[in-house]
């Protein structure tokens, strides 16, 4: 099989989903980093939306993280999707929920006024209430979305939890999981995994905070 090439921007949470997937499956791959503020011509030729991630396998190109991860799951063991069609569809639905949370998190970090920041915070907390109710009760020291083992949907939420850790490590005010014990256990489980820990470069925590500050948002002013 041709060695896949993943095109990435270092801070992109959607790329991170695919990296976690690749690491979980122990796939040999290459990764190429680009600057999304200065997109190279070769990248624009292969990325119809001008977004990362892009996965290149020989002359074939796949774009959009959910599609990339489905392809990787179908072509590399062990499968991280449920076999039952209903359960698989439910996991896909919750993957979209994870994307909505990432969008809220980005908006939370980028808003210019405290009132808008507070509104975004409340939107995240309202989604947490829904998510907490849908998670299974932990039966041991770890918790995944579907209980005792990792699935593809877990890779979709891990980047959100990691960014929350970056923020709260710098300012505890930004830790939002205190009232959600199941989400908290799930986050701790995912962030302890080698595949998640190694899914970003060492400089990403600092560069993530610098990215927020550079946009002169309300949050950036107190980080």
Protein backbone atom coordinates (compact mmCIF):
# COMPACT_ATOMS: atom_id res chain seq x y z
CA UNK A 1 0.00 0.00 0.00
CA UNK A 2 1.26 3.47 -0.88
CA UNK A 3 2.40 5.44 2.15
CA UNK A 4 -0.21 8.14 2.86
CA UNK A 5 0.75 11.80 3.10
CA UNK A 6 -1.26 13.98 5.47
CA UNK A 7 -1.20 17.72 4.76
CA UNK A 8 -1.54 19.67 7.98
CA UNK A 9 -1.60 23.03 9.72
CA UNK A 10 -0.01 22.58 13.14
CA UNK A 11 -2.90 24.05 15.14
CA UNK A 12 -5.77 22.43 13.23
CA UNK A 13 -7.97 20.20 15.44
CA UNK A 14 -9.43 18.45 12.40
CA UNK A 15 -6.01 17.29 11.26
CA UNK A 16 -5.39 16.11 14.80
CA UNK A 17 -8.36 13.75 14.53
CA UNK A 18 -6.72 12.00 11.59
CA UNK A 19 -3.32 11.87 13.31
CA UNK A 20 -4.88 10.17 16.35
CA UNK A 21 -6.54 7.67 14.03
CA UNK A 22 -3.26 6.95 12.24
CA UNK A 23 -1.38 6.52 15.52
CA UNK A 24 -4.05 4.23 16.98
CA UNK A 25 -3.75 2.02 13.91
CA UNK A 26 0.05 2.27 13.81
CA UNK A 27 -0.03 3.33 10.16
CA UNK A 28 3.26 4.43 8.60
CA UNK A 29 2.57 7.88 7.16
CA UNK A 30 4.22 11.16 6.26
CA UNK A 31 2.97 14.58 7.30
CA UNK A 32 3.59 17.93 5.61
CA UNK A 33 2.88 21.20 7.40
CA UNK A 34 1.71 24.33 5.63
CA UNK A 35 0.86 27.87 6.69
CA UNK A 36 -2.84 28.46 6.06
CA UNK A 37 -2.18 32.21 5.96
CA UNK A 38 0.09 31.63 2.95
CA UNK A 39 -1.36 28.62 1.18
CA UNK A 40 1.04 27.23 -1.42
CA UNK A 41 -0.20 26.82 -4.99
CA UNK A 42 0.33 23.06 -4.97
CA UNK A 43 -1.97 22.81 -1.94
CA UNK A 44 -4.73 24.89 -3.52
CA UNK A 45 -4.63 22.58 -6.53
CA UNK A 46 -5.42 19.50 -4.42
CA UNK A 47 -7.71 21.00 -1.73
CA UNK A 48 -11.02 22.15 -3.26
CA UNK A 49 -12.00 24.03 -0.08
CA UNK A 50 -8.50 25.28 0.65
CA UNK A 51 -8.68 23.55 4.03
CA UNK A 52 -6.74 20.91 5.89
CA UNK A 53 -6.55 18.01 6.39
CA UNK A 54 -5.87 16.57 2.98
CA UNK A 55 -4.76 12.97 2.60
CA UNK A 56 -2.80 12.04 -0.50
CA UNK A 57 -2.35 8.38 -1.47
CA UNK A 58 -0.28 8.25 -4.61
CA UNK A 59 -2.16 10.32 -7.17
CA UNK A 60 -5.42 10.17 -5.22
CA UNK A 61 -6.51 12.95 -2.87
CA UNK A 62 -9.12 12.84 -0.11
CA UNK A 63 -10.28 15.91 1.79
CA UNK A 64 -12.44 16.61 4.89
CA UNK A 65 -11.47 14.94 8.16
CA UNK A 66 -14.59 12.79 8.60
CA UNK A 67 -14.13 11.29 5.13
CA UNK A 68 -10.40 10.79 5.66
CA UNK A 69 -11.02 9.01 8.95
CA UNK A 70 -13.68 6.77 7.44
CA UNK A 71 -11.23 5.79 4.69
CA UNK A 72 -8.46 5.11 7.19
CA UNK A 73 -10.82 3.03 9.29
CA UNK A 74 -11.92 0.94 6.33
CA UNK A 75 -8.37 0.26 5.15
CA UNK A 76 -6.48 -0.27 8.42
CA UNK A 77 -7.09 -2.51 11.40
CA UNK A 78 -8.33 -2.38 14.04
CA UNK A 79 -11.62 -0.84 13.01
CA UNK A 80 -12.72 1.95 15.33
CA UNK A 81 -16.32 2.09 14.10
CA UNK A 82 -19.13 -0.09 15.48
CA UNK A 83 -20.23 -2.89 13.17
CA UNK A 84 -23.92 -2.37 13.82
CA UNK A 85 -25.29 0.11 11.22
CA UNK A 86 -27.46 1.98 13.74
CA UNK A 87 -24.63 2.38 16.22
CA UNK A 88 -22.27 3.43 13.44
CA UNK A 89 -24.75 6.07 12.29
CA UNK A 90 -25.18 7.32 15.87
CA UNK A 91 -21.41 7.67 16.21
CA UNK A 92 -21.32 9.64 12.97
CA UNK A 93 -24.04 11.92 14.33
CA UNK A 94 -22.08 12.58 17.52
CA UNK A 95 -18.99 13.28 15.44
CA UNK A 96 -20.96 16.19 13.95
CA UNK A 97 -21.78 17.27 17.49
CA UNK A 98 -18.05 17.30 18.24
CA UNK A 99 -17.49 19.54 15.24
CA UNK A 100 -20.13 21.94 16.56
CA UNK A 101 -18.32 22.04 19.91
CA UNK A 102 -15.04 22.83 18.16
CA UNK A 103 -16.74 25.67 16.30
CA UNK A 104 -18.11 27.01 19.60
CA UNK A 105 -14.68 26.73 21.21
CA UNK A 106 -13.07 28.64 18.36
CA UNK A 107 -15.74 31.33 18.62
CA UNK A 108 -15.23 31.50 22.38
CA UNK A 109 -11.51 32.16 21.95
CA UNK A 110 -11.97 34.70 19.15
CA UNK A 111 -14.78 36.97 20.39
CA UNK A 112 -13.79 40.58 21.00
CA UNK A 113 -16.13 41.44 23.88
CA UNK A 114 -16.61 39.76 27.25
CA UNK A 115 -20.38 39.62 26.73
CA UNK A 116 -19.91 37.65 23.52
CA UNK A 117 -17.34 35.44 25.22
CA UNK A 118 -19.79 34.69 28.03
CA UNK A 119 -22.48 33.84 25.48
CA UNK A 120 -20.18 31.38 23.72
CA UNK A 121 -19.23 29.86 27.07
CA UNK A 122 -22.92 29.26 27.82
CA UNK A 123 -23.43 27.65 24.41
CA UNK A 124 -20.63 25.20 25.20
CA UNK A 125 -22.08 24.46 28.65
CA UNK A 126 -25.52 23.83 27.15
CA UNK A 127 -23.99 21.27 24.79
CA UNK A 128 -22.17 19.69 27.73
CA UNK A 129 -25.53 19.08 29.44
CA UNK A 130 -26.71 17.16 26.38
CA UNK A 131 -23.44 15.26 26.08
CA UNK A 132 -23.28 14.36 29.78
CA UNK A 133 -26.76 12.83 29.59
CA UNK A 134 -25.77 10.70 26.60
CA UNK A 135 -22.58 9.20 28.02
CA UNK A 136 -22.54 5.82 29.78
CA UNK A 137 -21.74 5.63 33.47
CA UNK A 138 -18.10 4.75 34.12
CA UNK A 139 -17.48 1.24 35.42
CA UNK A 140 -13.75 1.62 36.06
CA UNK A 141 -10.91 4.10 35.89
CA UNK A 142 -11.48 4.97 32.21
CA UNK A 143 -14.42 6.06 30.10
CA UNK A 144 -14.89 6.23 26.35
CA UNK A 145 -17.88 7.47 24.40
CA UNK A 146 -19.35 3.99 24.09
CA UNK A 147 -18.04 2.62 27.38
CA UNK A 148 -14.91 0.55 27.67
CA UNK A 149 -13.06 0.93 24.38
CA UNK A 150 -12.08 3.64 21.95
CA UNK A 151 -14.04 4.34 18.78
CA UNK A 152 -13.63 6.75 15.90
CA UNK A 153 -16.04 9.18 17.57
CA UNK A 154 -13.58 9.52 20.47
CA UNK A 155 -10.93 10.82 18.06
CA UNK A 156 -13.39 13.55 17.05
CA UNK A 157 -13.75 14.89 20.62
CA UNK A 158 -10.13 14.55 21.78
CA UNK A 159 -8.88 17.76 20.07
CA UNK A 160 -11.61 19.78 21.81
CA UNK A 161 -10.59 18.44 25.23
CA UNK A 162 -6.91 19.05 24.51
CA UNK A 163 -7.54 22.70 23.66
CA UNK A 164 -9.58 23.10 26.80
CA UNK A 165 -6.59 21.72 28.70
CA UNK A 166 -4.27 24.24 27.01
CA UNK A 167 -6.58 27.06 28.11
CA UNK A 168 -7.24 25.87 31.65
CA UNK A 169 -3.59 25.05 32.33
CA UNK A 170 -2.89 28.72 31.71
CA UNK A 171 -6.01 30.07 33.42
CA UNK A 172 -8.26 27.77 35.55
CA UNK A 173 -11.19 30.08 34.77
CA UNK A 174 -11.41 28.40 31.37
CA UNK A 175 -11.97 24.90 32.75
CA UNK A 176 -15.62 24.08 32.10
CA UNK A 177 -15.90 20.40 33.05
CA UNK A 178 -16.31 20.74 36.81
CA UNK A 179 -20.09 20.14 36.77
CA UNK A 180 -19.89 17.24 34.30
CA UNK A 181 -18.25 14.20 35.94
CA UNK A 182 -18.73 11.82 33.02
CA UNK A 183 -17.31 14.27 30.48
CA UNK A 184 -14.46 14.96 32.89
CA UNK A 185 -13.64 11.25 33.16
CA UNK A 186 -13.89 10.87 29.40
CA UNK A 187 -11.59 13.82 28.81
CA UNK A 188 -9.04 12.47 31.28
CA UNK A 189 -9.15 9.07 29.57
CA UNK A 190 -8.58 10.48 26.10
CA UNK A 191 -5.86 12.92 27.13
CA UNK A 192 -3.93 10.09 28.80
CA UNK A 193 -3.67 8.05 25.58
CA UNK A 194 -0.28 8.00 23.79
CA UNK A 195 -2.05 8.46 20.45
CA UNK A 196 -3.63 11.68 21.71
CA UNK A 197 -0.56 12.97 23.55
CA UNK A 198 1.59 12.44 20.44
CA UNK A 199 -0.93 13.83 17.96
CA UNK A 200 0.44 17.39 18.13
CA UNK A 201 3.93 18.83 18.00
CA UNK A 202 5.54 19.88 21.31
CA UNK A 203 5.26 23.58 20.51
CA UNK A 204 1.51 23.49 19.84
CA UNK A 205 0.28 24.39 23.38
CA UNK A 206 2.25 27.64 23.38
CA UNK A 207 1.49 28.44 19.74
CA UNK A 208 -2.23 27.85 20.33
CA UNK A 209 -2.28 30.48 23.08
CA UNK A 210 -0.17 32.85 20.98
CA UNK A 211 -2.61 32.41 18.09
CA UNK A 212 -5.47 33.52 20.33
CA UNK A 213 -3.51 36.51 21.64
CA UNK A 214 -2.54 37.55 18.11
CA UNK A 215 -6.23 37.96 17.20
CA UNK A 216 -6.75 40.50 20.00
CA UNK A 217 -9.78 38.70 21.38
CA UNK A 218 -11.17 39.29 24.87
CA UNK A 219 -9.79 35.93 26.00
CA UNK A 220 -6.40 36.71 24.50
CA UNK A 221 -6.21 39.79 26.65
CA UNK A 222 -6.36 37.77 29.88
CA UNK A 223 -4.35 34.71 28.88
